[in-house]
Protein backbone atom coordinates (compact mmCIF):
# COMPACT_ATOMS: atom_id res chain seq x y z
CA UNK A 1 83.28 2.09 -33.42
CA UNK A 2 82.60 3.89 -30.17
CA UNK A 3 80.62 6.38 -32.10
CA UNK A 4 78.54 3.66 -33.66
CA UNK A 5 77.91 2.05 -30.38
CA UNK A 6 76.80 5.33 -28.96
CA UNK A 7 74.08 5.91 -31.79
CA UNK A 8 72.74 2.47 -31.24
CA UNK A 9 72.31 2.95 -27.54
CA UNK A 10 70.64 6.39 -28.12
CA UNK A 11 68.17 4.74 -30.76
CA UNK A 12 67.38 2.02 -28.16
CA UNK A 13 66.69 4.57 -25.42
CA UNK A 14 64.50 6.57 -27.78
CA UNK A 15 62.34 3.45 -28.74
CA UNK A 16 62.11 2.63 -25.06
CA UNK A 17 60.92 6.17 -24.14
CA UNK A 18 58.41 6.12 -26.96
CA UNK A 19 57.02 2.75 -25.84
CA UNK A 20 56.60 4.17 -22.10
CA UNK A 21 54.84 7.33 -23.44
CA UNK A 22 52.49 5.16 -25.53
CA UNK A 23 51.58 3.08 -22.50
CA UNK A 24 50.80 6.29 -20.42
CA UNK A 25 48.71 7.57 -23.24
CA UNK A 26 46.69 4.17 -23.37
CA UNK A 27 46.16 4.51 -19.58
CA UNK A 28 45.03 7.95 -19.75
CA UNK A 29 42.64 7.28 -22.58
CA UNK A 30 40.52 4.47 -21.09
CA UNK A 31 37.34 6.20 -21.39
CA UNK A 32 35.21 3.16 -20.56
CA UNK A 33 36.49 3.10 -16.98
CA UNK A 34 35.80 6.96 -16.56
CA UNK A 35 32.42 6.45 -18.01
CA UNK A 36 31.66 3.73 -15.54
CA UNK A 37 32.69 5.86 -12.81
CA UNK A 38 30.40 8.66 -14.04
CA UNK A 39 27.55 6.06 -14.18
CA UNK A 40 28.15 4.97 -10.55
CA UNK A 41 28.12 8.67 -9.45
CA UNK A 42 24.95 9.32 -11.25
CA UNK A 43 23.28 6.37 -9.52
CA UNK A 44 24.40 7.70 -6.22
CA UNK A 45 23.04 11.18 -7.08
CA UNK A 46 19.76 9.61 -8.12
CA UNK A 47 19.68 7.61 -4.85
CA UNK A 48 20.09 10.86 -2.91
CA UNK A 49 17.41 12.65 -4.81
CA UNK A 50 14.97 9.72 -4.16
CA UNK A 51 15.73 9.71 -0.50
CA UNK A 52 14.98 13.38 -0.45
CA UNK A 53 11.70 12.80 -2.06
CA UNK A 54 12.47 14.08 -5.64
CA UNK A 55 11.45 11.30 -7.86
CA UNK A 56 11.70 13.37 -10.92
CA UNK A 57 15.21 14.45 -10.32
CA UNK A 58 16.11 10.81 -9.49
CA UNK A 59 14.77 9.57 -12.80
CA UNK A 60 16.78 12.15 -14.69
CA UNK A 61 20.00 10.96 -12.96
CA UNK A 62 19.32 7.33 -13.65
CA UNK A 63 18.74 7.96 -17.34
CA UNK A 64 22.05 9.72 -17.55
CA UNK A 65 23.57 6.78 -15.53
CA UNK A 66 22.38 4.35 -18.27
CA UNK A 67 23.74 6.58 -21.02
CA UNK A 68 27.06 6.65 -19.09
CA UNK A 69 27.19 2.75 -19.21
CA UNK A 70 26.02 1.88 -15.78
CA UNK A 71 24.65 -1.59 -15.26
CA UNK A 72 21.36 -1.83 -17.09
CA UNK A 73 19.57 -4.24 -14.56
CA UNK A 74 20.75 -1.88 -11.61
CA UNK A 75 19.37 1.24 -13.49
CA UNK A 76 16.06 -0.47 -14.18
CA UNK A 77 15.63 -1.46 -10.55
CA UNK A 78 16.29 2.30 -9.42
CA UNK A 79 13.83 3.50 -12.07
CA UNK A 80 11.30 1.12 -10.81
CA UNK A 81 11.51 2.50 -7.36
CA UNK A 82 11.44 6.03 -8.52
CA UNK A 83 8.21 5.52 -10.27
CA UNK A 84 6.84 3.79 -7.34
CA UNK A 85 7.73 6.73 -5.24
CA UNK A 86 6.19 9.12 -7.65
CA UNK A 87 2.83 6.96 -7.85
CA UNK A 88 3.31 6.17 -11.47
CA UNK A 89 2.58 2.55 -10.77
CA UNK A 90 2.12 1.52 -14.51
CA UNK A 91 5.54 2.71 -15.30
CA UNK A 92 6.92 1.32 -12.31
CA UNK A 93 5.60 -2.06 -13.13
CA UNK A 94 7.15 -1.88 -16.50
CA UNK A 95 10.60 -1.03 -15.23
CA UNK A 96 10.41 -3.64 -12.44
CA UNK A 97 9.36 -6.38 -14.92
CA UNK A 98 12.24 -5.20 -17.15
CA UNK A 99 14.56 -5.40 -14.20
CA UNK A 100 13.42 -8.93 -13.31
CA UNK A 101 14.03 -10.16 -16.89
CA UNK A 102 17.52 -8.72 -16.82
CA UNK A 103 18.33 -10.11 -13.29
CA UNK A 104 15.62 -12.76 -12.34
CA UNK A 105 17.11 -13.06 -8.70
CA UNK A 106 16.67 -9.35 -8.05
CA UNK A 107 14.42 -9.71 -4.87
CA UNK A 108 13.93 -5.70 -4.70
CA UNK A 109 12.71 -5.77 -8.23
CA UNK A 110 10.17 -8.62 -7.60
CA UNK A 111 9.01 -6.75 -4.48
CA UNK A 112 8.60 -3.52 -6.56
CA UNK A 113 6.72 -5.31 -9.29
CA UNK A 114 4.53 -6.82 -6.74
CA UNK A 115 3.84 -3.52 -5.05
CA UNK A 116 2.98 -1.91 -8.33
CA UNK A 117 0.76 -4.72 -9.47
CA UNK A 118 -1.06 -4.43 -6.03
CA UNK A 119 -1.57 -0.78 -6.47
CA UNK A 120 -2.95 -1.23 -9.95
CA UNK A 121 -5.60 -3.76 -8.36
CA UNK A 122 -3.95 -6.89 -9.97
CA UNK A 123 -3.83 -8.84 -6.67
CA UNK A 124 -3.23 -12.10 -8.31
CA UNK A 125 -0.27 -10.81 -10.21
CA UNK A 126 1.09 -9.28 -7.12
CA UNK A 127 0.88 -12.56 -5.28
CA UNK A 128 2.93 -14.09 -7.90
CA UNK A 129 5.82 -11.60 -7.63
CA UNK A 130 5.71 -11.76 -3.66
CA UNK A 131 6.03 -15.56 -3.68
CA UNK A 132 8.81 -15.49 -6.26
CA UNK A 133 10.77 -13.02 -3.92
CA UNK A 134 10.02 -15.19 -0.90
CA UNK A 135 11.44 -18.29 -2.72
CA UNK A 136 14.58 -16.45 -3.30
CA UNK A 137 14.67 -14.73 0.27
CA UNK A 138 12.40 -16.52 2.74
CA UNK A 139 13.39 -13.78 5.29
CA UNK A 140 12.22 -10.90 3.10
CA UNK A 141 9.69 -9.55 5.66
CA UNK A 142 8.20 -6.88 3.42
CA UNK A 143 7.34 -9.24 0.72
CA UNK A 144 5.68 -11.46 3.24
CA UNK A 145 3.52 -8.66 4.66
CA UNK A 146 2.54 -7.69 1.23
CA UNK A 147 1.80 -11.20 0.21
CA UNK A 148 -0.73 -11.32 3.02
CA UNK A 149 -2.22 -8.20 1.69
CA UNK A 150 -2.36 -9.28 -1.76
CA UNK A 151 -4.16 -12.71 -0.72
CA UNK A 152 -6.79 -10.33 1.13
CA UNK A 153 -7.23 -8.23 -1.95
CA UNK A 154 -7.60 -11.43 -4.07
CA UNK A 155 -10.51 -12.22 -1.75
CA UNK A 156 -8.80 -15.15 -0.15
CA UNK A 157 -8.94 -14.37 3.51
CA UNK A 158 -8.02 -17.72 4.71
CA UNK A 159 -4.42 -17.65 3.02
CA UNK A 160 -4.16 -13.93 3.87
CA UNK A 161 -4.59 -14.79 7.77
CA UNK A 162 -2.22 -17.78 7.47
CA UNK A 163 0.52 -15.66 5.88
CA UNK A 164 0.02 -12.50 8.08
CA UNK A 165 0.14 -14.71 11.24
CA UNK A 166 3.35 -16.36 10.17
CA UNK A 167 4.72 -12.93 9.25
CA UNK A 168 3.98 -11.71 12.68
CA UNK A 169 5.64 -14.82 14.27
CA UNK A 170 8.75 -14.50 12.18
CA UNK A 171 9.06 -10.70 11.45
CA UNK A 172 8.09 -9.33 14.80
CA UNK A 173 5.35 -6.96 15.79
CA UNK A 174 3.75 -4.52 13.34
CA UNK A 175 0.66 -2.43 13.74
CA UNK A 176 -0.30 -2.55 10.09
CA UNK A 177 0.15 -6.24 9.83
CA UNK A 178 -2.00 -6.73 12.83
CA UNK A 179 -4.64 -4.43 11.26
CA UNK A 180 -4.58 -6.31 8.05
CA UNK A 181 -4.96 -9.78 9.98
CA UNK A 182 -7.96 -8.20 11.58
CA UNK A 183 -9.52 -7.54 8.41
CA UNK A 184 -8.85 -11.09 7.02
CA UNK A 185 -10.27 -12.50 10.33
CA UNK A 186 -13.24 -10.22 9.92
CA UNK A 187 -13.96 -11.65 6.32
CA UNK A 188 -13.67 -15.18 7.77
CA UNK A 189 -16.48 -14.39 10.25
CA UNK A 190 -14.05 -14.63 13.38
CA UNK A 191 -15.11 -11.45 15.00
CA UNK A 192 -13.60 -12.00 18.35
CA UNK A 193 -10.25 -12.90 16.90
CA UNK A 194 -10.59 -9.66 14.71
CA UNK A 195 -11.16 -7.61 17.84
CA UNK A 196 -8.08 -9.01 19.34
CA UNK A 197 -5.85 -8.30 16.24
CA UNK A 198 -7.16 -4.56 15.96
CA UNK A 199 -6.53 -4.13 19.68
CA UNK A 200 -3.10 -5.36 19.40
CA UNK A 201 -2.57 -3.04 16.42
CA UNK A 202 -3.83 -0.07 18.38
CA UNK A 203 -1.48 -0.90 21.20
CA UNK A 204 1.44 -0.67 18.77
CA UNK A 205 0.15 2.42 16.89
CA UNK A 206 -3.02 4.59 17.36
CA UNK A 207 -5.02 5.02 14.12
CA UNK A 208 -8.63 6.27 13.62
CA UNK A 209 -8.84 3.86 10.69
CA UNK A 210 -7.96 0.98 13.00
CA UNK A 211 -10.26 2.24 15.65
CA UNK A 212 -13.16 2.26 13.12
CA UNK A 213 -12.30 -1.30 12.08
CA UNK A 214 -12.27 -2.30 15.68
CA UNK A 215 -15.75 -0.82 16.01
CA UNK A 216 -17.10 -2.87 13.16
CA UNK A 217 -15.47 -5.96 14.51
CA UNK A 218 -17.17 -5.44 17.72
CA UNK A 219 -20.50 -4.84 16.00
CA UNK A 220 -20.17 -8.13 14.37
CA UNK A 221 -19.60 -9.62 17.73
CA UNK A 222 -22.70 -7.93 18.98
CA UNK A 223 -20.74 -6.07 21.64
CA UNK A 224 -22.46 -2.78 20.90
CA UNK A 225 -21.43 -0.56 23.66
CA UNK A 226 -17.83 -1.25 23.00
CA UNK A 227 -18.43 -0.78 19.29
CA UNK A 228 -19.90 2.69 20.08
CA UNK A 229 -16.79 3.67 22.15
CA UNK A 230 -14.37 2.58 19.34
CA UNK A 231 -16.45 4.51 16.81
CA UNK A 232 -16.36 7.55 19.13
CA UNK A 233 -12.76 7.32 19.58
CA UNK A 234 -12.27 7.15 15.89
CA UNK A 235 -14.21 10.48 15.50
CA UNK A 236 -17.30 12.38 16.45
CA UNK A 237 -20.55 11.42 17.95
CA UNK A 238 -22.53 11.85 14.79
CA UNK A 239 -20.32 9.39 13.00
CA UNK A 240 -20.43 6.86 15.90
CA UNK A 241 -24.23 7.04 16.17
CA UNK A 242 -24.44 6.46 12.43
CA UNK A 243 -22.19 3.58 12.15
CA UNK A 244 -23.78 1.99 15.28
CA UNK A 245 -27.10 2.50 13.49
CA UNK A 246 -25.83 0.43 10.40
CA UNK A 247 -24.78 -2.28 12.74
CA UNK A 248 -28.22 -2.65 14.15
CA UNK A 249 -29.74 -2.29 10.72
CA UNK A 250 -27.58 -5.30 9.33
CA UNK A 251 -28.58 -7.38 12.36
CA UNK A 252 -32.35 -6.70 11.65
CA UNK A 253 -32.86 -4.29 14.68
CA UNK A 254 -34.71 -1.72 12.84
CA UNK A 255 -35.99 0.29 15.83
CA UNK A 256 -32.43 0.63 17.44
CA UNK A 257 -31.07 1.57 14.22
CA UNK A 258 -33.61 4.31 13.69
CA UNK A 259 -32.87 5.61 17.03
CA UNK A 260 -29.16 5.70 16.20
CA UNK A 261 -29.62 7.40 12.82
CA UNK A 262 -31.93 10.18 14.56
CA UNK A 263 -29.19 10.75 17.17
CA UNK A 264 -26.58 11.27 14.39
CA UNK A 265 -28.85 13.70 12.77
CA UNK A 266 -29.60 15.63 15.89
CA UNK A 267 -25.85 16.00 16.66
CA UNK A 268 -24.84 17.12 13.27
CA UNK A 269 -27.83 17.76 10.97
CA UNK A 270 -25.80 19.83 8.40
CA UNK A 271 -23.54 16.80 7.98
CA UNK A 272 -25.41 13.62 8.39
CA UNK A 273 -27.61 13.47 5.25
CA UNK A 274 -26.20 9.96 5.18
CA UNK A 275 -27.82 9.15 8.33
CA UNK A 276 -31.04 10.58 7.11
CA UNK A 277 -30.76 8.34 3.91
CA UNK A 278 -30.06 5.35 6.29
CA UNK A 279 -33.26 6.19 8.41
CA UNK A 280 -35.30 6.60 5.14
CA UNK A 281 -34.27 3.20 4.07
CA UNK A 282 -35.54 1.72 7.13
CA UNK A 283 -38.89 3.30 6.77
CA UNK A 284 -39.35 2.64 3.14
CA UNK A 285 -38.17 -0.97 2.82
CA UNK A 286 -38.59 -4.43 4.29
CA UNK A 287 -36.63 -5.14 7.43
CA UNK A 288 -33.14 -6.43 6.44
CA UNK A 289 -32.17 -9.98 6.75
CA UNK A 290 -29.46 -11.16 9.19
CA UNK A 291 -26.88 -10.90 6.30
CA UNK A 292 -24.98 -7.99 5.39
CA UNK A 293 -26.69 -5.89 2.46
CA UNK A 294 -25.74 -7.06 -0.91
CA UNK A 295 -24.77 -5.02 -3.82
CA UNK A 296 -28.13 -3.55 -4.74
CA UNK A 297 -28.49 -1.78 -1.60
CA UNK A 298 -24.87 -0.76 -1.65
CA UNK A 299 -25.28 0.72 -5.08
CA UNK A 300 -27.93 3.23 -3.78
CA UNK A 301 -25.34 4.57 -1.38
CA UNK A 302 -22.77 6.08 -3.76
CA UNK A 303 -21.69 9.71 -2.69
CA UNK A 304 -24.69 11.51 -1.40
CA UNK A 305 -23.16 14.44 0.11
CA UNK A 306 -19.60 16.09 0.72
CA UNK A 307 -18.66 16.10 4.33
CA UNK A 308 -15.36 17.51 5.61
CA UNK A 309 -12.25 15.83 3.99
CA UNK A 310 -11.20 12.47 5.42
CA UNK A 311 -8.28 12.22 7.91
CA UNK A 312 -5.00 11.96 5.96
CA UNK A 313 -2.82 9.40 7.64
CA UNK A 314 0.55 8.17 6.61
CA UNK A 315 0.64 4.43 6.44
CA UNK A 316 3.87 2.80 7.94
CA UNK A 317 4.10 -0.89 8.30
CA UNK A 318 2.15 -2.81 6.05
CA UNK A 319 -1.74 -0.18 3.30
CA UNK A 320 -2.07 0.36 2.12
CA UNK A 321 -5.31 -3.61 2.67
CA UNK A 322 -7.77 -3.56 0.94
CA UNK A 323 -11.21 -8.52 1.11
CA UNK A 324 -13.07 -11.36 0.66
CA UNK A 325 -15.35 -13.95 1.87
CA UNK A 326 -14.71 -17.63 2.08
CA UNK A 327 -17.87 -18.02 -0.27
CA UNK A 328 -16.34 -15.67 -2.77
CA UNK A 329 -19.20 -13.25 -2.60
CA UNK A 330 -19.66 -10.33 -5.03
CA UNK A 331 -17.56 -7.45 -4.33
CA UNK A 332 -19.01 -4.92 -2.04
CA UNK A 333 -19.50 -1.22 -2.75
CA UNK A 334 -16.57 -0.51 -0.69
CA UNK A 335 -14.30 -2.76 -2.68
CA UNK A 336 -15.68 -1.50 -5.96
CA UNK A 337 -14.99 2.02 -5.05
CA UNK A 338 -11.47 1.43 -3.65
CA UNK A 339 -9.57 3.36 -6.19
CA UNK A 340 -12.10 6.26 -6.10
CA UNK A 341 -11.70 6.41 -2.22
CA UNK A 342 -8.03 6.51 -2.40
CA UNK A 343 -8.15 9.42 -4.94
CA UNK A 344 -10.67 11.33 -2.63
CA UNK A 345 -8.11 10.58 0.26
CA UNK A 346 -5.53 12.58 -1.60
CA UNK A 347 -7.55 15.24 -3.25
CA UNK A 348 -10.58 16.43 -1.41
CA UNK A 349 -13.89 15.62 0.41
CA UNK A 350 -16.01 12.52 -0.07
CA UNK A 351 -19.16 10.97 1.11
CA UNK A 352 -20.04 7.46 1.77
CA UNK A 353 -22.73 5.94 3.79
CA UNK A 354 -21.00 2.78 5.08
CA UNK A 355 -18.05 1.91 7.19
CA UNK A 356 -15.19 0.41 5.14
CA UNK A 357 -12.60 -1.26 7.11
CA UNK A 358 -9.29 0.14 5.83
CA UNK A 359 -6.06 -1.90 5.35
CA UNK A 360 -2.35 -0.55 5.42
CA UNK A 361 0.06 -0.75 2.60
CA UNK A 362 3.66 -0.61 3.87
CA UNK A 363 5.87 2.27 2.60
CA UNK A 364 8.82 1.65 0.19
CA UNK A 365 12.22 1.73 1.92
CA UNK A 366 14.78 4.04 0.24
CA UNK A 367 17.34 2.74 -2.22
CA UNK A 368 20.20 0.75 -0.35
CA UNK A 369 23.56 -0.34 -1.51
CA UNK A 370 25.29 2.16 -3.35
CA UNK A 371 18.92 -0.28 -2.31
CA UNK A 372 0.75 1.56 -0.84
CA UNK A 373 -6.00 -1.62 -2.67
CA UNK A 374 -6.26 -1.40 0.21
CA UNK A 375 -8.89 -3.79 1.19
CA UNK A 376 -12.08 -3.36 2.77
CA UNK A 377 -15.40 -4.92 3.29
CA UNK A 378 -17.91 -3.51 5.68
CA UNK A 379 -21.31 -2.46 6.78
CA UNK A 380 -23.04 -0.50 4.06
CA UNK A 381 -24.05 2.91 5.25
CA UNK A 382 -21.37 3.65 7.82
CA UNK A 383 -18.78 6.31 7.76
CA UNK A 384 -15.34 6.99 9.38
CA UNK A 385 -14.66 9.85 11.77
CA UNK A 386 -15.19 12.50 9.10
CA UNK A 387 -18.19 10.91 7.31
CA UNK A 388 -16.32 8.93 4.58
CA UNK A 389 -15.54 5.58 4.30
CA UNK A 390 -11.97 4.67 5.36
CA UNK A 391 -9.26 3.63 3.08
CA UNK A 392 -5.74 2.44 3.23
CA UNK A 393 -3.12 4.42 1.68
CA UNK A 394 0.42 3.80 0.17
CA UNK A 395 3.27 5.82 1.45
CA UNK A 396 6.01 5.33 -1.03
């Protein structure tokens, strides 16, 4: 009897031990948890690569994270930002749209989609994304700044000015937002207010592009001596005289314009063929009206020579922005050539004979959490400090 009882107890003990071993085996074999951990680690690795400026490596890490089972919406958002950082705006837009579809309340994905749309010159589409982001997060200052820029590029300066003013009131001082506000005010014909905005921007951050914008605003306000000083501070004497000549020409002051173009040629004859062209237009055409030249005159001014490369300046608060008039006038040459000018800014010299006010696109923040159309309108025939039209640039 005792022997039978001992065997029974031994059998029970064996069964219990086997059950414990099976439980341990189950816990050790839970691969989904391990895969999820790998996915999170790969996302962190991608974020580190992106913060270090290596968008390609980041994309590779995010692709592996997706294969390891990481959250799809999270991965899509990261892929969106990596493409933005690499300047692949179409791919960025597609990834951001997919991220928004997967998670409609993802403010960062909406911001990224708006940013990519704006860099692809779809200003109206960008407006929609930024407005949606602000519906979800009214305090999302970056979306507010970009919304103002998008309205500006959509040729709605009144809305741009309203949004940018409000953004400055709620989001604090920002040099690039002030610059973009100045451009919107310039398009509205409020030259003195534009001067004030550009001056405030320069007090926060010195920028040759903003100084050039200030010179143009001073020209519109017929404060010519101050305009010359601003153009001079933005670059050399030749550019300053040429730009002032354009101001005079657009106001119908042909004699003064000719004198400024001649001064530009005298100071840099090998460089200022643009000034020579401007001078020739004065002598061969009827006196210009009080309005800024329309597109026929502007079309004649496309890329006449190749001066030294333009200043490469990294934007930081709001670019890129790139304009509009209340009357919805046809796009100026500077607006039509925005993409071309941005490409030149990155790759080589360019020539343009007109000052193009340059807007600023804000940089993209790095990924956080475990996270540029530039607008311009301007006097046809003017140049920046280096003899080419100014452009805003994105700094992902």
